[in-house]
Amino acid sequence: MAELQIIGGERSNFVWCVRIACTEKGVKYTVMPVAPHTPEVDAINPLGRIPALRHGDVTLFESRAICAYIDRAFPGPSLIPADPVGAALAEQWLSLVNTAIDPVMMRQYLMAYVYPGTPDNRPNRAAIDAALPKMPPLFALLDRAVAKTGHLVGDRFTLADMNLIPILFYMSKRAESGAMMAQQPHLMAYFERHMARSSVRDTTPPPSLR
């Protein structure tokens, strides 16, 4: 059987989500740890973004599409609830996180630390300070979302959670965002419990990649 290959750097939250999904399904895979806009990525994704997937003759880009393929192509527990309401709620939270939370927390705030684009490579304080006021309402929204069951959808770990946990991990590592998270007790309990889950723990990027 063809080897499933995940193409993209392991510290990407979207690459990490795909790896959690594979682990939950029991799918064996390898990682090609390359950066965006490298030839290996550009050959699959016309925008050069990661992750990409190669599985025999199948090539895909966009983490949501990749996870949908993994869920349907392999046996194992479903990543998306089977019932219509549960499936719709999972898609709802995937969309909200990817269109409202990731752009602020990861692209604007975290990237201002990791890839600041400043002449001296110090954190881009203007971008950070612009992002900070937007973040407390988002953390509060997530706190309310997980308060009842400790999951985003129903009472089990779904792709919606797999998509969010890597973002929360990176937010926990920075002073401002970590302090904001600490003010949300339901979200902190959610984060700590799911970080201990074997599929999350075993795919966490090593310290040198964080």
N, C-alpha and C. Protein backbone atom coordinates (compact mmCIF):
# COMPACT_ATOMS: atom_id res chain seq x y z
N MET A 1 0.84 -1.19 0.00
CA MET A 1 0.00 0.00 0.00
C MET A 1 0.88 1.25 0.00
N ALA A 2 0.47 2.27 -0.72
CA ALA A 2 1.25 3.50 -0.81
C ALA A 2 1.38 4.17 0.55
N GLU A 3 2.51 4.79 0.76
CA GLU A 3 2.76 5.51 2.00
C GLU A 3 2.05 6.86 1.98
N LEU A 4 1.44 7.20 3.09
CA LEU A 4 0.81 8.51 3.23
C LEU A 4 1.87 9.48 3.73
N GLN A 5 2.02 10.56 3.02
CA GLN A 5 3.06 11.55 3.36
C GLN A 5 2.42 12.90 3.62
N ILE A 6 2.74 13.46 4.77
CA ILE A 6 2.31 14.81 5.12
C ILE A 6 3.48 15.75 4.84
N ILE A 7 3.23 16.74 4.04
CA ILE A 7 4.30 17.64 3.60
C ILE A 7 4.11 18.99 4.27
N GLY A 8 5.11 19.38 5.08
CA GLY A 8 5.05 20.65 5.78
C GLY A 8 5.74 20.58 7.12
N GLY A 9 6.20 21.71 7.60
CA GLY A 9 6.93 21.77 8.86
C GLY A 9 6.06 21.37 10.04
N GLU A 10 6.64 20.64 10.98
CA GLU A 10 5.88 20.07 12.09
C GLU A 10 5.36 21.10 13.07
N ARG A 11 5.92 22.29 13.10
CA ARG A 11 5.41 23.27 14.05
C ARG A 11 4.20 24.04 13.53
N SER A 12 3.83 23.85 12.27
CA SER A 12 2.59 24.43 11.76
C SER A 12 1.41 23.86 12.51
N ASN A 13 0.51 24.71 12.97
CA ASN A 13 -0.67 24.19 13.67
C ASN A 13 -1.55 23.35 12.76
N PHE A 14 -1.58 23.65 11.46
CA PHE A 14 -2.40 22.87 10.54
C PHE A 14 -1.76 21.51 10.24
N VAL A 15 -0.44 21.47 10.13
CA VAL A 15 0.25 20.18 10.00
C VAL A 15 0.02 19.34 11.24
N TRP A 16 0.10 19.97 12.40
CA TRP A 16 -0.11 19.24 13.66
C TRP A 16 -1.53 18.68 13.71
N CYS A 17 -2.52 19.44 13.29
CA CYS A 17 -3.89 18.96 13.26
C CYS A 17 -4.00 17.70 12.41
N VAL A 18 -3.39 17.69 11.24
CA VAL A 18 -3.45 16.52 10.36
C VAL A 18 -2.77 15.33 11.02
N ARG A 19 -1.67 15.56 11.71
CA ARG A 19 -0.98 14.46 12.39
C ARG A 19 -1.82 13.89 13.53
N ILE A 20 -2.51 14.75 14.27
CA ILE A 20 -3.42 14.26 15.31
C ILE A 20 -4.51 13.40 14.67
N ALA A 21 -5.06 13.88 13.56
CA ALA A 21 -6.12 13.14 12.88
C ALA A 21 -5.64 11.75 12.44
N CYS A 22 -4.45 11.69 11.88
CA CYS A 22 -3.89 10.40 11.48
C CYS A 22 -3.72 9.48 12.68
N THR A 23 -3.23 10.03 13.77
CA THR A 23 -3.00 9.22 14.96
C THR A 23 -4.31 8.71 15.54
N GLU A 24 -5.33 9.56 15.57
CA GLU A 24 -6.65 9.14 16.05
C GLU A 24 -7.20 7.99 15.20
N LYS A 25 -6.96 8.04 13.90
CA LYS A 25 -7.47 7.01 12.99
C LYS A 25 -6.58 5.77 12.94
N GLY A 26 -5.38 5.87 13.51
CA GLY A 26 -4.44 4.77 13.44
C GLY A 26 -3.78 4.65 12.08
N VAL A 27 -3.64 5.77 11.37
CA VAL A 27 -3.05 5.79 10.02
C VAL A 27 -1.56 6.04 10.12
N LYS A 28 -0.77 5.17 9.54
CA LYS A 28 0.67 5.38 9.50
C LYS A 28 1.01 6.44 8.45
N TYR A 29 1.99 7.28 8.78
CA TYR A 29 2.35 8.37 7.87
C TYR A 29 3.81 8.75 8.10
N THR A 30 4.35 9.48 7.16
CA THR A 30 5.65 10.12 7.34
C THR A 30 5.48 11.61 7.10
N VAL A 31 6.39 12.38 7.64
CA VAL A 31 6.37 13.83 7.48
C VAL A 31 7.57 14.27 6.65
N MET A 32 7.31 15.06 5.63
CA MET A 32 8.39 15.75 4.92
C MET A 32 8.43 17.17 5.47
N PRO A 33 9.38 17.47 6.37
CA PRO A 33 9.35 18.75 7.10
C PRO A 33 9.93 19.90 6.29
N VAL A 34 9.15 20.38 5.34
CA VAL A 34 9.61 21.48 4.49
C VAL A 34 8.76 22.71 4.74
N ALA A 35 9.31 23.85 4.40
CA ALA A 35 8.64 25.14 4.61
C ALA A 35 7.65 25.43 3.49
N PRO A 36 6.75 26.39 3.72
CA PRO A 36 5.88 26.83 2.62
C PRO A 36 6.70 27.35 1.45
N HIS A 37 6.13 27.27 0.27
CA HIS A 37 6.71 27.81 -0.96
C HIS A 37 8.00 27.11 -1.37
N THR A 38 8.22 25.92 -0.86
CA THR A 38 9.33 25.10 -1.36
C THR A 38 8.82 24.28 -2.54
N PRO A 39 9.73 23.74 -3.36
CA PRO A 39 9.27 23.00 -4.55
C PRO A 39 8.34 21.84 -4.22
N GLU A 40 8.59 21.16 -3.10
CA GLU A 40 7.75 20.01 -2.74
C GLU A 40 6.31 20.44 -2.46
N VAL A 41 6.14 21.62 -1.85
CA VAL A 41 4.81 22.14 -1.56
C VAL A 41 4.18 22.74 -2.81
N ASP A 42 4.95 23.52 -3.53
CA ASP A 42 4.43 24.19 -4.73
C ASP A 42 3.95 23.19 -5.78
N ALA A 43 4.53 21.99 -5.77
CA ALA A 43 4.11 20.97 -6.73
C ALA A 43 2.68 20.50 -6.49
N ILE A 44 2.16 20.73 -5.28
CA ILE A 44 0.82 20.28 -4.93
C ILE A 44 -0.12 21.46 -4.71
N ASN A 45 0.31 22.45 -3.95
CA ASN A 45 -0.54 23.59 -3.63
C ASN A 45 -0.12 24.80 -4.47
N PRO A 46 -1.00 25.30 -5.32
CA PRO A 46 -0.61 26.44 -6.17
C PRO A 46 -0.32 27.71 -5.40
N LEU A 47 -0.77 27.78 -4.12
CA LEU A 47 -0.47 28.93 -3.28
C LEU A 47 0.75 28.70 -2.38
N GLY A 48 1.31 27.50 -2.43
CA GLY A 48 2.54 27.22 -1.70
C GLY A 48 2.36 27.07 -0.20
N ARG A 49 1.14 26.85 0.26
CA ARG A 49 0.89 26.76 1.71
C ARG A 49 0.92 25.32 2.18
N ILE A 50 1.21 25.15 3.47
CA ILE A 50 1.24 23.83 4.08
C ILE A 50 0.03 23.67 5.02
N PRO A 51 -0.38 22.40 5.21
CA PRO A 51 0.20 21.14 4.74
C PRO A 51 -0.28 20.77 3.33
N ALA A 52 0.47 19.83 2.76
CA ALA A 52 0.03 19.13 1.56
C ALA A 52 0.10 17.64 1.87
N LEU A 53 -0.57 16.85 1.06
CA LEU A 53 -0.58 15.40 1.27
C LEU A 53 -0.32 14.69 -0.04
N ARG A 54 0.43 13.61 0.07
CA ARG A 54 0.64 12.72 -1.07
C ARG A 54 0.37 11.29 -0.58
N HIS A 55 -0.50 10.59 -1.28
CA HIS A 55 -0.83 9.20 -0.96
C HIS A 55 -1.01 8.45 -2.26
N GLY A 56 0.07 7.84 -2.74
CA GLY A 56 0.03 7.23 -4.05
C GLY A 56 -0.22 8.28 -5.11
N ASP A 57 -1.28 8.11 -5.89
CA ASP A 57 -1.61 9.08 -6.93
C ASP A 57 -2.44 10.25 -6.42
N VAL A 58 -2.80 10.21 -5.14
CA VAL A 58 -3.64 11.26 -4.56
C VAL A 58 -2.76 12.38 -4.01
N THR A 59 -3.02 13.60 -4.42
CA THR A 59 -2.37 14.77 -3.82
C THR A 59 -3.46 15.75 -3.41
N LEU A 60 -3.28 16.34 -2.24
CA LEU A 60 -4.27 17.27 -1.72
C LEU A 60 -3.57 18.41 -0.99
N PHE A 61 -4.27 19.54 -0.91
CA PHE A 61 -3.81 20.63 -0.04
C PHE A 61 -5.02 21.14 0.73
N GLU A 62 -4.76 21.97 1.73
CA GLU A 62 -5.73 22.47 2.70
C GLU A 62 -6.03 21.39 3.75
N SER A 63 -5.78 21.73 5.00
CA SER A 63 -5.87 20.75 6.07
C SER A 63 -7.27 20.16 6.20
N ARG A 64 -8.31 20.97 5.95
CA ARG A 64 -9.67 20.43 6.07
C ARG A 64 -9.92 19.35 5.03
N ALA A 65 -9.49 19.58 3.80
CA ALA A 65 -9.64 18.58 2.74
C ALA A 65 -8.81 17.34 3.04
N ILE A 66 -7.60 17.54 3.53
CA ILE A 66 -6.72 16.42 3.86
C ILE A 66 -7.36 15.56 4.95
N CYS A 67 -7.88 16.19 5.99
CA CYS A 67 -8.50 15.44 7.08
C CYS A 67 -9.77 14.73 6.62
N ALA A 68 -10.52 15.34 5.72
CA ALA A 68 -11.70 14.68 5.17
C ALA A 68 -11.31 13.41 4.42
N TYR A 69 -10.23 13.50 3.66
CA TYR A 69 -9.75 12.31 2.93
C TYR A 69 -9.31 11.22 3.90
N ILE A 70 -8.54 11.60 4.90
CA ILE A 70 -8.06 10.62 5.90
C ILE A 70 -9.25 9.96 6.59
N ASP A 71 -10.26 10.75 6.91
CA ASP A 71 -11.43 10.21 7.61
C ASP A 71 -12.18 9.21 6.75
N ARG A 72 -12.29 9.47 5.46
CA ARG A 72 -13.09 8.62 4.58
C ARG A 72 -12.30 7.46 3.97
N ALA A 73 -11.01 7.63 3.84
CA ALA A 73 -10.20 6.63 3.14
C ALA A 73 -9.70 5.51 4.05
N PHE A 74 -9.77 5.72 5.35
CA PHE A 74 -9.20 4.75 6.28
C PHE A 74 -10.22 4.34 7.33
N PRO A 75 -10.12 3.11 7.82
CA PRO A 75 -10.99 2.69 8.93
C PRO A 75 -10.58 3.38 10.22
N GLY A 76 -11.37 3.15 11.24
CA GLY A 76 -11.06 3.77 12.53
C GLY A 76 -12.16 4.72 12.94
N PRO A 77 -12.04 5.29 14.11
CA PRO A 77 -13.08 6.19 14.61
C PRO A 77 -13.26 7.41 13.71
N SER A 78 -14.51 7.79 13.50
CA SER A 78 -14.79 8.95 12.65
C SER A 78 -14.30 10.23 13.30
N LEU A 79 -13.74 11.12 12.50
CA LEU A 79 -13.27 12.41 13.00
C LEU A 79 -14.40 13.43 13.09
N ILE A 80 -15.47 13.20 12.35
CA ILE A 80 -16.65 14.08 12.31
C ILE A 80 -17.86 13.25 12.74
N PRO A 81 -18.71 13.76 13.62
CA PRO A 81 -19.89 13.00 14.03
C PRO A 81 -20.73 12.58 12.83
N ALA A 82 -21.37 11.42 12.96
CA ALA A 82 -22.17 10.89 11.85
C ALA A 82 -23.53 11.57 11.74
N ASP A 83 -24.08 12.04 12.85
CA ASP A 83 -25.41 12.63 12.80
C ASP A 83 -25.36 14.02 12.18
N PRO A 84 -26.40 14.43 11.50
CA PRO A 84 -26.37 15.71 10.77
C PRO A 84 -26.07 16.92 11.64
N VAL A 85 -26.66 16.97 12.84
CA VAL A 85 -26.43 18.13 13.70
C VAL A 85 -24.98 18.15 14.18
N GLY A 86 -24.49 17.01 14.64
CA GLY A 86 -23.10 16.94 15.11
C GLY A 86 -22.11 17.29 14.01
N ALA A 87 -22.37 16.77 12.79
CA ALA A 87 -21.49 17.07 11.66
C ALA A 87 -21.50 18.57 11.35
N ALA A 88 -22.69 19.17 11.37
CA ALA A 88 -22.79 20.60 11.08
C ALA A 88 -22.09 21.43 12.16
N LEU A 89 -22.22 21.02 13.42
CA LEU A 89 -21.56 21.75 14.50
C LEU A 89 -20.04 21.65 14.37
N ALA A 90 -19.55 20.48 14.00
CA ALA A 90 -18.10 20.34 13.80
C ALA A 90 -17.62 21.26 12.69
N GLU A 91 -18.35 21.30 11.59
CA GLU A 91 -17.96 22.18 10.49
C GLU A 91 -18.06 23.65 10.91
N GLN A 92 -19.07 23.96 11.72
CA GLN A 92 -19.21 25.32 12.23
C GLN A 92 -17.97 25.76 12.99
N TRP A 93 -17.50 24.91 13.90
CA TRP A 93 -16.34 25.28 14.72
C TRP A 93 -15.05 25.24 13.93
N LEU A 94 -14.94 24.34 12.97
CA LEU A 94 -13.77 24.36 12.10
C LEU A 94 -13.70 25.68 11.34
N SER A 95 -14.83 26.10 10.82
CA SER A 95 -14.87 27.35 10.06
C SER A 95 -14.57 28.54 10.95
N LEU A 96 -15.19 28.62 12.11
CA LEU A 96 -14.98 29.76 12.99
C LEU A 96 -13.52 29.87 13.42
N VAL A 97 -12.93 28.75 13.82
CA VAL A 97 -11.53 28.78 14.27
C VAL A 97 -10.62 29.19 13.12
N ASN A 98 -10.87 28.66 11.93
CA ASN A 98 -9.96 28.93 10.82
C ASN A 98 -10.13 30.32 10.21
N THR A 99 -11.31 30.92 10.38
CA THR A 99 -11.53 32.23 9.76
C THR A 99 -11.50 33.39 10.75
N ALA A 100 -11.66 33.12 12.04
CA ALA A 100 -11.70 34.21 13.02
C ALA A 100 -10.62 34.11 14.09
N ILE A 101 -10.29 32.91 14.52
CA ILE A 101 -9.35 32.75 15.63
C ILE A 101 -7.92 32.59 15.12
N ASP A 102 -7.71 31.69 14.18
CA ASP A 102 -6.36 31.51 13.64
C ASP A 102 -5.80 32.81 13.04
N PRO A 103 -6.57 33.58 12.26
CA PRO A 103 -5.98 34.80 11.67
C PRO A 103 -5.48 35.79 12.71
N VAL A 104 -6.16 35.91 13.84
CA VAL A 104 -5.74 36.86 14.88
C VAL A 104 -4.63 36.26 15.74
N MET A 105 -4.89 35.08 16.28
CA MET A 105 -3.96 34.52 17.27
C MET A 105 -2.66 34.00 16.64
N MET A 106 -2.77 33.34 15.50
CA MET A 106 -1.59 32.74 14.89
C MET A 106 -0.94 33.68 13.87
N ARG A 107 -1.71 34.14 12.88
CA ARG A 107 -1.11 34.91 11.79
C ARG A 107 -0.68 36.30 12.22
N GLN A 108 -1.50 36.96 13.07
CA GLN A 108 -1.17 38.33 13.46
C GLN A 108 -0.31 38.37 14.72
N TYR A 109 -0.78 37.71 15.77
CA TYR A 109 -0.09 37.80 17.06
C TYR A 109 1.18 36.94 17.11
N LEU A 110 1.04 35.63 16.92
CA LEU A 110 2.20 34.75 17.07
C LEU A 110 3.26 35.02 16.01
N MET A 111 2.84 35.22 14.77
CA MET A 111 3.84 35.45 13.72
C MET A 111 4.64 36.73 13.95
N ALA A 112 4.07 37.68 14.71
CA ALA A 112 4.81 38.90 15.03
C ALA A 112 5.97 38.61 15.97
N TYR A 113 5.93 37.47 16.64
CA TYR A 113 7.06 37.00 17.45
C TYR A 113 8.00 36.11 16.63
N VAL A 114 7.42 35.17 15.91
CA VAL A 114 8.23 34.13 15.26
C VAL A 114 8.87 34.62 13.97
N TYR A 115 8.09 35.31 13.15
CA TYR A 115 8.60 35.87 11.90
C TYR A 115 8.26 37.36 11.87
N PRO A 116 8.95 38.17 12.66
CA PRO A 116 8.52 39.56 12.86
C PRO A 116 8.71 40.46 11.66
N GLY A 117 9.66 40.15 10.80
CA GLY A 117 9.90 41.00 9.65
C GLY A 117 10.46 42.37 9.99
N THR A 118 11.06 42.49 11.18
CA THR A 118 11.65 43.75 11.60
C THR A 118 13.13 43.79 11.22
N PRO A 119 13.71 44.97 11.09
CA PRO A 119 15.13 45.05 10.68
C PRO A 119 16.07 44.30 11.63
N ASP A 120 15.76 44.31 12.93
CA ASP A 120 16.65 43.64 13.89
C ASP A 120 16.11 42.28 14.33
N ASN A 121 15.03 41.83 13.68
CA ASN A 121 14.40 40.53 13.97
C ASN A 121 13.82 40.44 15.39
N ARG A 122 13.60 41.59 16.00
CA ARG A 122 12.93 41.59 17.30
C ARG A 122 11.43 41.57 17.08
N PRO A 123 10.66 41.17 18.11
CA PRO A 123 9.21 41.09 17.93
C PRO A 123 8.61 42.36 17.36
N ASN A 124 7.64 42.18 16.51
CA ASN A 124 6.96 43.31 15.86
C ASN A 124 5.89 43.82 16.81
N ARG A 125 6.26 44.78 17.66
CA ARG A 125 5.36 45.23 18.71
C ARG A 125 4.11 45.90 18.15
N ALA A 126 4.21 46.55 17.02
CA ALA A 126 3.03 47.19 16.45
C ALA A 126 1.97 46.14 16.10
N ALA A 127 2.40 45.05 15.49
CA ALA A 127 1.45 43.98 15.13
C ALA A 127 0.91 43.30 16.38
N ILE A 128 1.78 43.07 17.36
CA ILE A 128 1.34 42.43 18.60
C ILE A 128 0.32 43.30 19.32
N ASP A 129 0.64 44.57 19.46
CA ASP A 129 -0.26 45.48 20.18
C ASP A 129 -1.59 45.66 19.45
N ALA A 130 -1.58 45.52 18.13
CA ALA A 130 -2.82 45.61 17.37
C ALA A 130 -3.68 44.37 17.56
N ALA A 131 -3.04 43.23 17.78
CA ALA A 131 -3.78 41.97 17.95
C ALA A 131 -4.34 41.79 19.35
N LEU A 132 -3.63 42.29 20.35
CA LEU A 132 -4.00 42.00 21.74
C LEU A 132 -5.44 42.35 22.10
N PRO A 133 -5.97 43.50 21.73
CA PRO A 133 -7.36 43.81 22.12
C PRO A 133 -8.39 42.89 21.49
N LYS A 134 -8.06 42.24 20.39
CA LYS A 134 -9.00 41.36 19.71
C LYS A 134 -9.09 39.99 20.36
N MET A 135 -8.12 39.65 21.20
CA MET A 135 -8.00 38.27 21.67
C MET A 135 -8.87 37.90 22.86
N PRO A 136 -9.04 38.76 23.89
CA PRO A 136 -9.86 38.34 25.04
C PRO A 136 -11.27 37.90 24.66
N PRO A 137 -11.99 38.59 23.76
CA PRO A 137 -13.31 38.09 23.39
C PRO A 137 -13.28 36.71 22.74
N LEU A 138 -12.22 36.42 22.01
CA LEU A 138 -12.11 35.11 21.37
C LEU A 138 -11.86 34.02 22.40
N PHE A 139 -11.00 34.29 23.36
CA PHE A 139 -10.78 33.30 24.43
C PHE A 139 -12.07 33.09 25.23
N ALA A 140 -12.80 34.16 25.50
CA ALA A 140 -14.06 34.04 26.26
C ALA A 140 -15.08 33.23 25.46
N LEU A 141 -15.14 33.44 24.16
CA LEU A 141 -16.04 32.67 23.30
C LEU A 141 -15.72 31.18 23.39
N LEU A 142 -14.45 30.84 23.32
CA LEU A 142 -14.05 29.44 23.40
C LEU A 142 -14.33 28.86 24.78
N ASP A 143 -14.14 29.65 25.82
CA ASP A 143 -14.43 29.19 27.17
C ASP A 143 -15.90 28.79 27.29
N ARG A 144 -16.78 29.61 26.75
CA ARG A 144 -18.21 29.29 26.78
C ARG A 144 -18.51 28.04 25.95
N ALA A 145 -17.81 27.90 24.85
CA ALA A 145 -18.09 26.79 23.93
C ALA A 145 -17.78 25.43 24.56
N VAL A 146 -16.74 25.36 25.39
CA VAL A 146 -16.33 24.07 25.95
C VAL A 146 -16.81 23.87 27.38
N ALA A 147 -17.53 24.85 27.92
CA ALA A 147 -17.90 24.81 29.34
C ALA A 147 -18.78 23.62 29.68
N LYS A 148 -19.69 23.24 28.80
CA LYS A 148 -20.69 22.23 29.14
C LYS A 148 -20.13 20.81 29.13
N THR A 149 -19.41 20.45 28.06
CA THR A 149 -18.97 19.05 27.91
C THR A 149 -17.46 18.87 27.87
N GLY A 150 -16.71 19.98 27.81
CA GLY A 150 -15.27 19.85 27.66
C GLY A 150 -14.84 19.50 26.25
N HIS A 151 -15.75 19.68 25.30
CA HIS A 151 -15.47 19.47 23.87
C HIS A 151 -16.19 20.56 23.10
N LEU A 152 -15.76 20.79 21.87
CA LEU A 152 -16.46 21.77 21.05
C LEU A 152 -17.77 21.22 20.51
N VAL A 153 -17.83 19.91 20.30
CA VAL A 153 -19.03 19.28 19.74
C VAL A 153 -19.37 18.05 20.57
N GLY A 154 -20.55 18.04 21.16
CA GLY A 154 -20.98 16.87 21.92
C GLY A 154 -20.05 16.55 23.05
N ASP A 155 -19.87 15.26 23.27
CA ASP A 155 -19.06 14.82 24.40
C ASP A 155 -17.89 13.94 23.97
N ARG A 156 -17.42 14.14 22.73
CA ARG A 156 -16.24 13.38 22.31
C ARG A 156 -15.28 14.25 21.51
N PHE A 157 -14.06 13.77 21.41
CA PHE A 157 -12.97 14.47 20.73
C PHE A 157 -13.17 14.35 19.22
N THR A 158 -13.36 15.48 18.55
CA THR A 158 -13.60 15.49 17.11
C THR A 158 -12.55 16.33 16.40
N LEU A 159 -12.67 16.37 15.08
CA LEU A 159 -11.73 17.18 14.29
C LEU A 159 -11.77 18.64 14.71
N ALA A 160 -12.91 19.11 15.19
CA ALA A 160 -12.99 20.50 15.66
C ALA A 160 -12.01 20.74 16.80
N ASP A 161 -11.90 19.80 17.72
CA ASP A 161 -10.93 19.92 18.82
C ASP A 161 -9.51 19.78 18.32
N MET A 162 -9.28 18.83 17.41
CA MET A 162 -7.94 18.62 16.86
C MET A 162 -7.42 19.87 16.18
N ASN A 163 -8.32 20.64 15.60
CA ASN A 163 -7.97 21.86 14.89
C ASN A 163 -7.64 23.01 15.85
N LEU A 164 -8.25 22.99 17.03
CA LEU A 164 -8.08 24.08 17.98
C LEU A 164 -6.90 23.88 18.92
N ILE A 165 -6.69 22.67 19.38
CA ILE A 165 -5.68 22.42 20.42
C ILE A 165 -4.30 22.96 20.04
N PRO A 166 -3.79 22.76 18.81
CA PRO A 166 -2.47 23.33 18.50
C PRO A 166 -2.41 24.84 18.66
N ILE A 167 -3.48 25.54 18.33
CA ILE A 167 -3.49 26.99 18.51
C ILE A 167 -3.39 27.34 19.98
N LEU A 168 -4.17 26.66 20.82
CA LEU A 168 -4.11 26.93 22.26
C LEU A 168 -2.73 26.61 22.82
N PHE A 169 -2.11 25.57 22.29
CA PHE A 169 -0.75 25.23 22.75
C PHE A 169 0.19 26.41 22.53
N TYR A 170 0.17 26.97 21.34
CA TYR A 170 1.07 28.08 21.06
C TYR A 170 0.69 29.33 21.84
N MET A 171 -0.60 29.53 22.06
CA MET A 171 -1.01 30.67 22.87
C MET A 171 -0.54 30.52 24.32
N SER A 172 -0.48 29.30 24.82
CA SER A 172 -0.05 29.07 26.20
C SER A 172 1.42 29.40 26.41
N LYS A 173 2.18 29.49 25.33
CA LYS A 173 3.63 29.69 25.42
C LYS A 173 4.05 31.16 25.44
N ARG A 174 3.12 32.08 25.17
CA ARG A 174 3.44 33.50 25.14
C ARG A 174 2.82 34.20 26.33
N ALA A 175 3.50 35.21 26.85
CA ALA A 175 3.09 35.83 28.11
C ALA A 175 1.69 36.42 28.04
N GLU A 176 1.44 37.26 27.04
CA GLU A 176 0.14 37.93 26.99
C GLU A 176 -1.01 36.94 26.76
N SER A 177 -0.85 36.09 25.76
CA SER A 177 -1.92 35.14 25.44
C SER A 177 -2.07 34.09 26.53
N GLY A 178 -0.96 33.69 27.15
CA GLY A 178 -1.04 32.73 28.24
C GLY A 178 -1.82 33.29 29.42
N ALA A 179 -1.61 34.58 29.72
CA ALA A 179 -2.36 35.21 30.81
C ALA A 179 -3.84 35.30 30.48
N MET A 180 -4.16 35.56 29.21
CA MET A 180 -5.56 35.61 28.81
C MET A 180 -6.22 34.24 28.96
N MET A 181 -5.52 33.21 28.54
CA MET A 181 -6.06 31.85 28.67
C MET A 181 -6.30 31.49 30.12
N ALA A 182 -5.37 31.89 30.99
CA ALA A 182 -5.47 31.55 32.41
C ALA A 182 -6.72 32.14 33.06
N GLN A 183 -7.30 33.16 32.46
CA GLN A 183 -8.51 33.79 32.99
C GLN A 183 -9.77 33.05 32.57
N GLN A 184 -9.62 32.01 31.77
CA GLN A 184 -10.78 31.26 31.26
C GLN A 184 -10.71 29.83 31.81
N PRO A 185 -11.36 29.55 32.94
CA PRO A 185 -11.17 28.25 33.62
C PRO A 185 -11.64 27.05 32.81
N HIS A 186 -12.75 27.17 32.10
CA HIS A 186 -13.23 26.03 31.32
C HIS A 186 -12.28 25.73 30.15
N LEU A 187 -11.78 26.78 29.53
CA LEU A 187 -10.86 26.61 28.41
C LEU A 187 -9.54 26.01 28.89
N MET A 188 -9.05 26.44 30.05
CA MET A 188 -7.81 25.89 30.57
C MET A 188 -7.97 24.41 30.90
N ALA A 189 -9.10 24.04 31.51
CA ALA A 189 -9.32 22.63 31.82
C ALA A 189 -9.41 21.81 30.54
N TYR A 190 -10.08 22.34 29.55
CA TYR A 190 -10.18 21.70 28.23
C TYR A 190 -8.79 21.49 27.63
N PHE A 191 -8.01 22.54 27.63
CA PHE A 191 -6.67 22.49 27.04
C PHE A 191 -5.79 21.47 27.76
N GLU A 192 -5.75 21.51 29.07
CA GLU A 192 -4.87 20.63 29.83
C GLU A 192 -5.27 19.16 29.65
N ARG A 193 -6.59 18.90 29.64
CA ARG A 193 -7.04 17.52 29.48
C ARG A 193 -6.67 16.97 28.11
N HIS A 194 -6.91 17.76 27.06
CA HIS A 194 -6.66 17.25 25.72
C HIS A 194 -5.18 17.24 25.37
N MET A 195 -4.38 18.09 25.99
CA MET A 195 -2.93 18.00 25.78
C MET A 195 -2.38 16.69 26.32
N ALA A 196 -3.07 16.09 27.28
CA ALA A 196 -2.63 14.81 27.84
C ALA A 196 -3.09 13.62 26.99
N ARG A 197 -3.95 13.85 26.01
CA ARG A 197 -4.43 12.78 25.14
C ARG A 197 -3.26 12.24 24.32
N SER A 198 -3.17 10.94 24.14
CA SER A 198 -1.99 10.36 23.52
C SER A 198 -1.78 10.87 22.09
N SER A 199 -2.85 11.06 21.32
CA SER A 199 -2.68 11.52 19.94
C SER A 199 -2.12 12.93 19.87
N VAL A 200 -2.41 13.73 20.88
CA VAL A 200 -1.89 15.10 20.95
C VAL A 200 -0.48 15.09 21.52
N ARG A 201 -0.32 14.39 22.62
CA ARG A 201 0.99 14.33 23.28
C ARG A 201 2.06 13.76 22.35
N ASP A 202 1.73 12.71 21.62
CA ASP A 202 2.72 12.03 20.79
C ASP A 202 3.06 12.78 19.51
N THR A 203 2.26 13.77 19.15
CA THR A 203 2.54 14.54 17.93
C THR A 203 2.99 15.97 18.23
N THR A 204 3.11 16.32 19.50
CA THR A 204 3.54 17.68 19.86
C THR A 204 4.93 17.96 19.29
N PRO A 205 5.12 19.08 18.61
CA PRO A 205 6.45 19.37 18.07
C PRO A 205 7.51 19.40 19.17
N PRO A 206 8.70 18.91 18.90
CA PRO A 206 9.76 18.97 19.92
C PRO A 206 10.12 20.40 20.26
N PRO A 207 10.71 20.61 21.44
CA PRO A 207 11.00 22.00 21.87
C PRO A 207 11.79 22.80 20.86
N SER A 208 12.66 22.17 20.12
CA SER A 208 13.48 22.91 19.15
C SER A 208 12.64 23.48 18.01
N LEU A 209 11.40 22.97 17.84
CA LEU A 209 10.56 23.43 16.74
C LEU A 209 9.49 24.39 17.18
N ARG A 210 9.38 24.68 18.48
CA ARG A 210 8.29 25.50 18.96
C ARG A 210 8.62 26.98 18.86
